[in-house]
Amino acid sequence: MTDQSPAIDRFRNSLFIDYEKWHDGVGYDIDALRELKPAERTVAESRLDATHDWRDVEALAVLAELGSPSAEQSLRSAQRTGSNEIRLAVMRYTPHLVDDGTRTTMLVQALDTATPFDAFSSTLEQVESFHPPAVVDALWNGLTTRQGDVATHYAAMLAFLYGKADSAFDWHLRPLFLKFTRGGKVVATTGGAFLGVAPIVGGIGAGVWLLVFGLTRYASVASIVSALTLPIWAWVIGYPWPVIVFAGVAGAAVLVLHRANLGRLVRGEEPRFTRRPSRAASL
């Protein structure tokens, strides 16, 4: 394309997301996308996949707004078949494509299954502005069925929705919210510490957690295995001994914290995460 606009290069370059951009939540160059000529928009759309990432959803939403029927069709398909994160992104960037019943069902399912590493923040952002009875009910259920920071944030959201807090997580009420935190608090704290001190180890640990959880559906097993592998990864990658020692201590703390879970696992009484059918239709 000999007479292509400078915007097409800006948009292409923005498609490369390095770790820093990923960590900071930087999206594609939407301003450049809006500046493209009609033929260039077709080229740009061919580079996007609605089921890949929220950034693709955001860009396709702009193209649909600019009149692309194929972009809108891709978004409708992703809303039906995509992951929780993708479906929530479709709701965020193209709310007119999702009716209230579908939106309620999706949020209830997300609240039942979302983790700090998968669609957690985006779920709560949606709940803050859209919270019919079925969604509020899912938050209440989460106080007793979800672990760690998940339950903490559900308590904070409920306080906000009932007018008892000034924001979706009122830090003045944090001591109250933490009363709903169970074993996952130390796991989340450990993961956050490693993402700051040893980001590669923290990232691998998060990956191990997701893998084990996906295979077993036990959050406790995923937490124990991922924590116990931290010192191994720190040693393999070559981090200095203070980091390795810290990893070992953190792993031991997580293991001790989950003593009760281990007992329930041996007895076959440990709850396993499953998708519960939505009750939105009955409310």
C-alpha atoms as a PDB file:
ATOM      1  CA  MET A   1       0.000   0.000   0.000  1.00  0.00           C
ATOM      2  CA  THR A   2       2.022   2.970  -1.317  1.00  0.00           C
ATOM      3  CA  ASP A   3      -0.191   5.782   0.017  1.00  0.00           C
ATOM      4  CA  GLN A   4      -0.796   4.295   3.439  1.00  0.00           C
ATOM      5  CA  SER A   5      -1.311   6.671   6.319  1.00  0.00           C
ATOM      6  CA  PRO A   6       1.204   7.001   9.188  1.00  0.00           C
ATOM      7  CA  ALA A   7      -1.527   5.744  11.503  1.00  0.00           C
ATOM      8  CA  ILE A   8      -1.313   2.186  10.153  1.00  0.00           C
ATOM      9  CA  ASP A   9       2.297   1.866  11.296  1.00  0.00           C
ATOM     10  CA  ARG A  10       1.428   3.306  14.699  1.00  0.00           C
ATOM     11  CA  PHE A  11      -1.352   0.774  15.107  1.00  0.00           C
ATOM     12  CA  ARG A  12       0.790  -2.165  13.934  1.00  0.00           C
ATOM     13  CA  ASN A  13       3.551  -1.210  16.349  1.00  0.00           C
ATOM     14  CA  SER A  14       1.068  -1.036  19.213  1.00  0.00           C
ATOM     15  CA  LEU A  15       0.127  -4.691  18.665  1.00  0.00           C
ATOM     16  CA  PHE A  16       3.413  -5.775  20.249  1.00  0.00           C
ATOM     17  CA  ILE A  17       2.768  -5.925  23.990  1.00  0.00           C
ATOM     18  CA  ASP A  18       5.860  -6.381  26.142  1.00  0.00           C
ATOM     19  CA  TYR A  19       5.803  -7.255  29.840  1.00  0.00           C
ATOM     20  CA  GLU A  20       5.694  -3.629  31.000  1.00  0.00           C
ATOM     21  CA  LYS A  21       2.718  -2.789  28.769  1.00  0.00           C
ATOM     22  CA  TRP A  22       0.965  -5.985  29.801  1.00  0.00           C
ATOM     23  CA  HIS A  23       1.582  -5.288  33.492  1.00  0.00           C
ATOM     24  CA  ASP A  24       0.348  -1.681  33.196  1.00  0.00           C
ATOM     25  CA  GLY A  25      -2.733  -2.603  31.186  1.00  0.00           C
ATOM     26  CA  VAL A  26      -1.741  -0.623  28.107  1.00  0.00           C
ATOM     27  CA  GLY A  27      -3.977  -1.316  25.128  1.00  0.00           C
ATOM     28  CA  TYR A  28      -3.508  -0.951  21.389  1.00  0.00           C
ATOM     29  CA  ASP A  29      -3.324   2.518  19.817  1.00  0.00           C
ATOM     30  CA  ILE A  30      -7.043   3.228  19.483  1.00  0.00           C
ATOM     31  CA  ASP A  31      -6.478   6.799  18.292  1.00  0.00           C
ATOM     32  CA  ALA A  32      -4.411   5.463  15.396  1.00  0.00           C
ATOM     33  CA  LEU A  33      -7.122   2.911  14.637  1.00  0.00           C
ATOM     34  CA  ARG A  34      -9.711   5.661  14.315  1.00  0.00           C
ATOM     35  CA  GLU A  35      -7.468   7.544  11.897  1.00  0.00           C
ATOM     36  CA  LEU A  36      -7.137   4.655   9.444  1.00  0.00           C
ATOM     37  CA  LYS A  37      -8.567   4.782   5.951  1.00  0.00           C
ATOM     38  CA  PRO A  38     -11.385   2.280   5.213  1.00  0.00           C
ATOM     39  CA  ALA A  39      -9.059  -0.122   3.380  1.00  0.00           C
ATOM     40  CA  GLU A  40      -6.524   0.078   6.221  1.00  0.00           C
ATOM     41  CA  ARG A  41      -9.232  -0.762   8.759  1.00  0.00           C
ATOM     42  CA  THR A  42      -9.800  -4.029   6.918  1.00  0.00           C
ATOM     43  CA  VAL A  43      -6.089  -4.813   7.193  1.00  0.00           C
ATOM     44  CA  ALA A  44      -6.095  -3.926  10.889  1.00  0.00           C
ATOM     45  CA  GLU A  45      -9.157  -6.069  11.562  1.00  0.00           C
ATOM     46  CA  SER A  46      -7.453  -9.077   9.998  1.00  0.00           C
ATOM     47  CA  ARG A  47      -4.801  -8.847  12.725  1.00  0.00           C
ATOM     48  CA  LEU A  48      -7.328  -9.015  15.569  1.00  0.00           C
ATOM     49  CA  ASP A  49      -8.878 -11.988  17.341  1.00  0.00           C
ATOM     50  CA  ALA A  50     -11.826 -11.305  19.657  1.00  0.00           C
ATOM     51  CA  THR A  51     -11.081 -14.426  21.732  1.00  0.00           C
ATOM     52  CA  HIS A  52      -7.421 -13.583  22.306  1.00  0.00           C
ATOM     53  CA  ASP A  53      -7.267 -10.579  24.618  1.00  0.00           C
ATOM     54  CA  TRP A  54      -9.307  -7.659  25.941  1.00  0.00           C
ATOM     55  CA  ARG A  55      -7.191  -5.357  23.760  1.00  0.00           C
ATOM     56  CA  ASP A  56      -8.472  -7.103  20.643  1.00  0.00           C
ATOM     57  CA  VAL A  57     -12.026  -6.738  21.934  1.00  0.00           C
ATOM     58  CA  GLU A  58     -11.535  -3.021  22.514  1.00  0.00           C
ATOM     59  CA  ALA A  59     -10.114  -2.523  19.005  1.00  0.00           C
ATOM     60  CA  LEU A  60     -12.849  -4.589  17.358  1.00  0.00           C
ATOM     61  CA  ALA A  61     -15.459  -2.580  19.272  1.00  0.00           C
ATOM     62  CA  VAL A  62     -14.059   0.595  17.695  1.00  0.00           C
ATOM     63  CA  LEU A  63     -14.151  -0.969  14.229  1.00  0.00           C
ATOM     64  CA  ALA A  64     -17.739  -2.094  14.813  1.00  0.00           C
ATOM     65  CA  GLU A  65     -18.593   1.445  15.876  1.00  0.00           C
ATOM     66  CA  LEU A  66     -17.017   2.682  12.648  1.00  0.00           C
ATOM     67  CA  GLY A  67     -19.334   0.418  10.641  1.00  0.00           C
ATOM     68  CA  SER A  68     -17.652  -2.985  10.312  1.00  0.00           C
ATOM     69  CA  PRO A  69     -20.306  -5.744  10.410  1.00  0.00           C
ATOM     70  CA  SER A  70     -17.630  -8.453  10.539  1.00  0.00           C
ATOM     71  CA  ALA A  71     -16.089  -6.871  13.645  1.00  0.00           C
ATOM     72  CA  GLU A  72     -19.471  -6.841  15.348  1.00  0.00           C
ATOM     73  CA  GLN A  73     -20.041 -10.471  14.378  1.00  0.00           C
ATOM     74  CA  SER A  74     -16.664 -11.424  15.868  1.00  0.00           C
ATOM     75  CA  LEU A  75     -17.629  -9.731  19.117  1.00  0.00           C
ATOM     76  CA  ARG A  76     -21.004 -11.479  19.245  1.00  0.00           C
ATOM     77  CA  SER A  77     -19.293 -14.824  18.723  1.00  0.00           C
ATOM     78  CA  ALA A  78     -16.699 -14.079  21.419  1.00  0.00           C
ATOM     79  CA  GLN A  79     -19.471 -13.122  23.831  1.00  0.00           C
ATOM     80  CA  ARG A  80     -20.929 -16.616  23.402  1.00  0.00           C
ATOM     81  CA  THR A  81     -17.775 -18.728  23.358  1.00  0.00           C
ATOM     82  CA  GLY A  82     -14.945 -16.697  24.908  1.00  0.00           C
ATOM     83  CA  SER A  83     -13.385 -16.996  28.351  1.00  0.00           C
ATOM     84  CA  ASN A  84     -14.780 -15.069  31.320  1.00  0.00           C
ATOM     85  CA  GLU A  85     -12.239 -12.325  30.714  1.00  0.00           C
ATOM     86  CA  ILE A  86     -13.188 -12.015  27.040  1.00  0.00           C
ATOM     87  CA  ARG A  87     -16.929 -12.058  27.678  1.00  0.00           C
ATOM     88  CA  LEU A  88     -16.557  -9.400  30.350  1.00  0.00           C
ATOM     89  CA  ALA A  89     -14.508  -7.301  27.939  1.00  0.00           C
ATOM     90  CA  VAL A  90     -17.295  -7.557  25.352  1.00  0.00           C
ATOM     91  CA  MET A  91     -19.745  -6.360  28.005  1.00  0.00           C
ATOM     92  CA  ARG A  92     -17.467  -3.461  28.857  1.00  0.00           C
ATOM     93  CA  TYR A  93     -16.706  -2.199  25.355  1.00  0.00           C
ATOM     94  CA  THR A  94     -19.941  -3.128  23.574  1.00  0.00           C
ATOM     95  CA  PRO A  95     -22.666  -3.203  26.260  1.00  0.00           C
ATOM     96  CA  HIS A  96     -25.375  -2.843  23.614  1.00  0.00           C
ATOM     97  CA  LEU A  97     -24.567  -6.355  22.355  1.00  0.00           C
ATOM     98  CA  VAL A  98     -25.418  -7.984  25.714  1.00  0.00           C
ATOM     99  CA  ASP A  99     -28.914  -7.967  27.210  1.00  0.00           C
ATOM    100  CA  ASP A 100     -29.432  -7.680  30.969  1.00  0.00           C
ATOM    101  CA  GLY A 101     -30.337 -11.341  31.424  1.00  0.00           C
ATOM    102  CA  THR A 102     -27.176 -12.542  29.719  1.00  0.00           C
ATOM    103  CA  ARG A 103     -25.111  -9.976  31.590  1.00  0.00           C
ATOM    104  CA  THR A 104     -26.516 -11.180  34.916  1.00  0.00           C
ATOM    105  CA  THR A 105     -25.813 -14.820  34.119  1.00  0.00           C
ATOM    106  CA  MET A 106     -22.249 -14.048  33.058  1.00  0.00           C
ATOM    107  CA  LEU A 107     -21.507 -12.043  36.205  1.00  0.00           C
ATOM    108  CA  VAL A 108     -22.910 -14.738  38.507  1.00  0.00           C
ATOM    109  CA  GLN A 109     -20.745 -17.356  36.779  1.00  0.00           C
ATOM    110  CA  ALA A 110     -17.711 -15.089  36.966  1.00  0.00           C
ATOM    111  CA  LEU A 111     -18.236 -14.397  40.679  1.00  0.00           C
ATOM    112  CA  ASP A 112     -18.426 -18.149  41.302  1.00  0.00           C
ATOM    113  CA  THR A 113     -15.134 -18.868  39.514  1.00  0.00           C
ATOM    114  CA  ALA A 114     -13.011 -15.721  39.082  1.00  0.00           C
ATOM    115  CA  THR A 115      -9.567 -15.719  40.707  1.00  0.00           C
ATOM    116  CA  PRO A 116      -7.056 -12.901  41.262  1.00  0.00           C
ATOM    117  CA  PHE A 117      -5.320 -14.157  38.096  1.00  0.00           C
ATOM    118  CA  ASP A 118      -8.405 -14.518  35.916  1.00  0.00           C
ATOM    119  CA  ALA A 119     -11.034 -11.831  35.251  1.00  0.00           C
ATOM    120  CA  PHE A 120     -11.226 -10.784  38.919  1.00  0.00           C
ATOM    121  CA  SER A 121     -10.827  -7.011  38.590  1.00  0.00           C
ATOM    122  CA  SER A 122     -12.967  -6.790  35.465  1.00  0.00           C
ATOM    123  CA  THR A 123     -15.743  -8.777  37.167  1.00  0.00           C
ATOM    124  CA  LEU A 124     -15.850  -6.419  40.139  1.00  0.00           C
ATOM    125  CA  GLU A 125     -15.774  -3.373  37.862  1.00  0.00           C
ATOM    126  CA  GLN A 126     -18.923  -4.670  36.161  1.00  0.00           C
ATOM    127  CA  VAL A 127     -20.600  -5.501  39.482  1.00  0.00           C
ATOM    128  CA  GLU A 128     -19.966  -1.990  40.770  1.00  0.00           C
ATOM    129  CA  SER A 129     -22.294  -0.526  38.131  1.00  0.00           C
ATOM    130  CA  PHE A 130     -24.611  -3.511  37.509  1.00  0.00           C
ATOM    131  CA  HIS A 131     -25.818  -5.548  40.475  1.00  0.00           C
ATOM    132  CA  PRO A 132     -29.289  -7.109  40.189  1.00  0.00           C
ATOM    133  CA  PRO A 133     -30.413  -9.451  43.019  1.00  0.00           C
ATOM    134  CA  ALA A 134     -28.784 -12.559  41.521  1.00  0.00           C
ATOM    135  CA  VAL A 135     -25.391 -10.813  41.409  1.00  0.00           C
ATOM    136  CA  VAL A 136     -25.719  -9.588  44.993  1.00  0.00           C
ATOM    137  CA  ASP A 137     -26.685 -13.124  46.025  1.00  0.00           C
ATOM    138  CA  ALA A 138     -23.530 -14.466  44.372  1.00  0.00           C
ATOM    139  CA  LEU A 139     -21.460 -11.987  46.406  1.00  0.00           C
ATOM    140  CA  TRP A 140     -23.064 -13.178  49.639  1.00  0.00           C
ATOM    141  CA  ASN A 141     -22.425 -16.813  48.702  1.00  0.00           C
ATOM    142  CA  GLY A 142     -18.816 -15.947  47.946  1.00  0.00           C
ATOM    143  CA  LEU A 143     -18.221 -14.815  51.515  1.00  0.00           C
ATOM    144  CA  THR A 144     -18.392 -18.443  52.647  1.00  0.00           C
ATOM    145  CA  THR A 145     -17.335 -20.339  49.526  1.00  0.00           C
ATOM    146  CA  ARG A 146     -14.434 -18.271  48.174  1.00  0.00           C
ATOM    147  CA  GLN A 147     -10.975 -17.992  49.703  1.00  0.00           C
ATOM    148  CA  GLY A 148      -8.467 -15.270  50.409  1.00  0.00           C
ATOM    149  CA  ASP A 149      -8.604 -11.880  48.736  1.00  0.00           C
ATOM    150  CA  VAL A 150     -11.654 -12.965  46.724  1.00  0.00           C
ATOM    151  CA  ALA A 151     -13.858 -13.121  49.825  1.00  0.00           C
ATOM    152  CA  THR A 152     -12.256  -9.928  51.139  1.00  0.00           C
ATOM    153  CA  HIS A 153     -13.172  -7.994  48.011  1.00  0.00           C
ATOM    154  CA  TYR A 154     -16.676  -9.466  47.960  1.00  0.00           C
ATOM    155  CA  ALA A 155     -17.205  -8.187  51.513  1.00  0.00           C
ATOM    156  CA  ALA A 156     -15.910  -4.776  50.444  1.00  0.00           C
ATOM    157  CA  MET A 157     -18.217  -4.683  47.430  1.00  0.00           C
ATOM    158  CA  LEU A 158     -21.248  -5.610  49.531  1.00  0.00           C
ATOM    159  CA  ALA A 159     -20.454  -2.841  52.005  1.00  0.00           C
ATOM    160  CA  PHE A 160     -20.308  -0.399  49.095  1.00  0.00           C
ATOM    161  CA  LEU A 161     -23.513  -1.625  47.451  1.00  0.00           C
ATOM    162  CA  TYR A 162     -25.411  -1.349  50.745  1.00  0.00           C
ATOM    163  CA  GLY A 163     -24.156   2.203  51.290  1.00  0.00           C
ATOM    164  CA  LYS A 164     -21.839   1.360  54.188  1.00  0.00           C
ATOM    165  CA  ALA A 165     -18.613   2.278  52.360  1.00  0.00           C
ATOM    166  CA  ASP A 166     -17.511   5.178  50.189  1.00  0.00           C
ATOM    167  CA  SER A 167     -15.916   3.048  47.481  1.00  0.00           C
ATOM    168  CA  ALA A 168     -15.801  -0.509  46.161  1.00  0.00           C
ATOM    169  CA  PHE A 169     -12.861  -1.110  48.538  1.00  0.00           C
ATOM    170  CA  ASP A 170     -12.903   1.400  51.386  1.00  0.00           C
ATOM    171  CA  TRP A 171      -9.479   1.143  53.015  1.00  0.00           C
ATOM    172  CA  HIS A 172     -10.829   2.568  56.256  1.00  0.00           C
ATOM    173  CA  LEU A 173     -12.879  -0.621  56.612  1.00  0.00           C
ATOM    174  CA  ARG A 174     -10.082  -2.966  55.578  1.00  0.00           C
ATOM    175  CA  PRO A 175      -9.743  -4.583  59.055  1.00  0.00           C
ATOM    176  CA  LEU A 176     -13.413  -5.584  58.823  1.00  0.00           C
ATOM    177  CA  PHE A 177     -13.062  -6.972  55.303  1.00  0.00           C
ATOM    178  CA  LEU A 178     -10.023  -9.028  56.279  1.00  0.00           C
ATOM    179  CA  LYS A 179     -12.171 -10.961  58.755  1.00  0.00           C
ATOM    180  CA  PHE A 180     -13.601 -12.739  55.711  1.00  0.00           C
ATOM    181  CA  THR A 181     -10.131 -13.737  54.491  1.00  0.00           C
ATOM    182  CA  ARG A 182      -9.184 -17.365  54.814  1.00  0.00           C
ATOM    183  CA  GLY A 183      -6.078 -19.264  53.675  1.00  0.00           C
ATOM    184  CA  GLY A 184      -5.722 -17.385  50.428  1.00  0.00           C
ATOM    185  CA  LYS A 185      -4.549 -14.189  52.140  1.00  0.00           C
ATOM    186  CA  VAL A 186      -1.010 -15.442  52.670  1.00  0.00           C
ATOM    187  CA  VAL A 187      -1.007 -17.029  49.215  1.00  0.00           C
ATOM    188  CA  ALA A 188      -2.003 -13.746  47.584  1.00  0.00           C
ATOM    189  CA  THR A 189       0.498 -11.810  49.713  1.00  0.00           C
ATOM    190  CA  THR A 190       3.270 -14.238  48.810  1.00  0.00           C
ATOM    191  CA  GLY A 191       2.424 -14.021  45.127  1.00  0.00           C
ATOM    192  CA  GLY A 192       2.333 -10.237  45.235  1.00  0.00           C
ATOM    193  CA  ALA A 193       5.667 -10.077  47.049  1.00  0.00           C
ATOM    194  CA  PHE A 194       7.368 -12.265  44.453  1.00  0.00           C
ATOM    195  CA  LEU A 195       5.920 -10.288  41.564  1.00  0.00           C
ATOM    196  CA  GLY A 196       7.699  -7.297  43.087  1.00  0.00           C
ATOM    197  CA  VAL A 197      10.942  -8.887  44.338  1.00  0.00           C
ATOM    198  CA  ALA A 198      11.404 -11.684  41.809  1.00  0.00           C
ATOM    199  CA  PRO A 199       8.843 -11.166  39.009  1.00  0.00           C
ATOM    200  CA  ILE A 200       9.928 -14.188  36.977  1.00  0.00           C
ATOM    201  CA  VAL A 201       9.483 -16.497  39.974  1.00  0.00           C
ATOM    202  CA  GLY A 202       6.169 -14.841  40.825  1.00  0.00           C
ATOM    203  CA  GLY A 203       4.948 -15.225  37.248  1.00  0.00           C
ATOM    204  CA  ILE A 204       5.941 -18.904  37.129  1.00  0.00           C
ATOM    205  CA  GLY A 205       4.291 -19.469  40.517  1.00  0.00           C
ATOM    206  CA  ALA A 206       1.074 -17.921  39.199  1.00  0.00           C
ATOM    207  CA  GLY A 207       1.276 -20.165  36.159  1.00  0.00           C
ATOM    208  CA  VAL A 208       1.747 -23.244  38.358  1.00  0.00           C
ATOM    209  CA  TRP A 209      -1.269 -22.187  40.452  1.00  0.00           C
ATOM    210  CA  LEU A 210      -3.461 -21.865  37.363  1.00  0.00           C
ATOM    211  CA  LEU A 211      -2.258 -25.188  35.935  1.00  0.00           C
ATOM    212  CA  VAL A 212      -2.816 -27.163  39.140  1.00  0.00           C
ATOM    213  CA  PHE A 213      -6.161 -25.467  39.780  1.00  0.00           C
ATOM    214  CA  GLY A 214      -7.265 -26.217  36.225  1.00  0.00           C
ATOM    215  CA  LEU A 215      -6.348 -29.883  36.638  1.00  0.00           C
ATOM    216  CA  THR A 216      -7.689 -30.451  40.152  1.00  0.00           C
ATOM    217  CA  ARG A 217     -10.229 -27.612  40.768  1.00  0.00           C
ATOM    218  CA  TYR A 218      -8.882 -27.444  44.334  1.00  0.00           C
ATOM    219  CA  ALA A 219      -7.678 -23.945  45.254  1.00  0.00           C
ATOM    220  CA  SER A 220      -5.876 -25.312  48.316  1.00  0.00           C
ATOM    221  CA  VAL A 221      -3.882 -27.852  46.273  1.00  0.00           C
ATOM    222  CA  ALA A 222      -2.977 -25.173  43.732  1.00  0.00           C
ATOM    223  CA  SER A 223      -1.828 -22.833  46.504  1.00  0.00           C
ATOM    224  CA  ILE A 224       0.313 -25.464  48.242  1.00  0.00           C
ATOM    225  CA  VAL A 225       1.971 -26.770  45.069  1.00  0.00           C
ATOM    226  CA  SER A 226       2.693 -23.319  43.628  1.00  0.00           C
ATOM    227  CA  ALA A 227       4.117 -22.072  46.947  1.00  0.00           C
ATOM    228  CA  LEU A 228       6.354 -25.111  47.458  1.00  0.00           C
ATOM    229  CA  THR A 229       7.823 -24.731  43.966  1.00  0.00           C
ATOM    230  CA  LEU A 230       8.867 -21.106  44.532  1.00  0.00           C
ATOM    231  CA  PRO A 231      12.291 -21.864  46.071  1.00  0.00           C
ATOM    232  CA  ILE A 232      12.968 -24.399  43.301  1.00  0.00           C
ATOM    233  CA  TRP A 233      12.283 -21.832  40.574  1.00  0.00           C
ATOM    234  CA  ALA A 234      14.292 -19.183  42.419  1.00  0.00           C
ATOM    235  CA  TRP A 235      17.278 -21.567  42.577  1.00  0.00           C
ATOM    236  CA  VAL A 236      16.945 -22.750  38.962  1.00  0.00           C
ATOM    237  CA  ILE A 237      16.749 -19.196  37.611  1.00  0.00           C
ATOM    238  CA  GLY A 238      19.731 -18.118  39.707  1.00  0.00           C
ATOM    239  CA  TYR A 239      18.322 -15.619  42.182  1.00  0.00           C
ATOM    240  CA  PRO A 240      20.546 -14.764  45.174  1.00  0.00           C
ATOM    241  CA  TRP A 241      20.259 -16.871  48.312  1.00  0.00           C
ATOM    242  CA  PRO A 242      18.113 -14.341  50.292  1.00  0.00           C
ATOM    243  CA  VAL A 243      15.381 -14.694  47.656  1.00  0.00           C
ATOM    244  CA  ILE A 244      15.661 -18.499  47.754  1.00  0.00           C
ATOM    245  CA  VAL A 245      15.438 -18.502  51.563  1.00  0.00           C
ATOM    246  CA  PHE A 246      12.452 -16.154  51.467  1.00  0.00           C
ATOM    247  CA  ALA A 247      10.788 -18.442  48.938  1.00  0.00           C
ATOM    248  CA  GLY A 248      11.353 -21.458  51.187  1.00  0.00           C
ATOM    249  CA  VAL A 249       9.957 -19.693  54.255  1.00  0.00           C
ATOM    250  CA  ALA A 250       6.943 -18.457  52.310  1.00  0.00           C
ATOM    251  CA  GLY A 251       6.267 -21.940  50.954  1.00  0.00           C
ATOM    252  CA  ALA A 252       6.478 -23.431  54.440  1.00  0.00           C
ATOM    253  CA  ALA A 253       4.080 -20.767  55.773  1.00  0.00           C
ATOM    254  CA  VAL A 254       1.534 -21.568  53.091  1.00  0.00           C
ATOM    255  CA  LEU A 255       1.841 -25.305  53.852  1.00  0.00           C
ATOM    256  CA  VAL A 256       1.314 -24.739  57.585  1.00  0.00           C
ATOM    257  CA  LEU A 257      -1.623 -22.429  56.903  1.00  0.00           C
ATOM    258  CA  HIS A 258      -3.324 -25.150  54.875  1.00  0.00           C
ATOM    259  CA  ARG A 259      -3.081 -27.899  57.507  1.00  0.00           C
ATOM    260  CA  ALA A 260      -6.853 -28.047  57.812  1.00  0.00           C
ATOM    261  CA  ASN A 261      -7.222 -28.242  54.045  1.00  0.00           C
ATOM    262  CA  LEU A 262      -4.810 -31.157  53.893  1.00  0.00           C
ATOM    263  CA  GLY A 263      -6.860 -32.979  56.493  1.00  0.00           C
ATOM    264  CA  ARG A 264     -10.042 -32.422  54.506  1.00  0.00           C
ATOM    265  CA  LEU A 265      -8.312 -33.612  51.331  1.00  0.00           C
ATOM    266  CA  VAL A 266      -7.285 -36.873  53.023  1.00  0.00           C
ATOM    267  CA  ARG A 267     -10.862 -37.377  54.250  1.00  0.00           C
ATOM    268  CA  GLY A 268     -12.345 -36.435  50.873  1.00  0.00           C
ATOM    269  CA  GLU A 269     -14.138 -33.431  52.394  1.00  0.00           C
ATOM    270  CA  GLU A 270     -12.294 -30.539  50.740  1.00  0.00           C
ATOM    271  CA  PRO A 271     -14.686 -28.446  48.602  1.00  0.00           C
ATOM    272  CA  ARG A 272     -13.916 -28.463  44.902  1.00  0.00           C
ATOM    273  CA  PHE A 273     -14.678 -25.440  42.763  1.00  0.00           C
ATOM    274  CA  THR A 274     -17.439 -26.114  40.276  1.00  0.00           C
ATOM    275  CA  ARG A 275     -19.659 -23.944  38.132  1.00  0.00           C
ATOM    276  CA  ARG A 276     -23.067 -23.592  39.723  1.00  0.00           C
ATOM    277  CA  PRO A 277     -26.095 -22.967  37.490  1.00  0.00           C
ATOM    278  CA  SER A 278     -27.225 -19.346  37.554  1.00  0.00           C
ATOM    279  CA  ARG A 279     -30.356 -18.477  39.481  1.00  0.00           C
ATOM    280  CA  ALA A 280     -30.843 -15.183  37.660  1.00  0.00           C
ATOM    281  CA  ALA A 281     -33.806 -16.485  35.686  1.00  0.00           C
ATOM    282  CA  SER A 282     -35.754 -17.225  38.857  1.00  0.00           C
ATOM    283  CA  LEU A 283     -35.294 -13.759  40.379  1.00  0.00           C
END
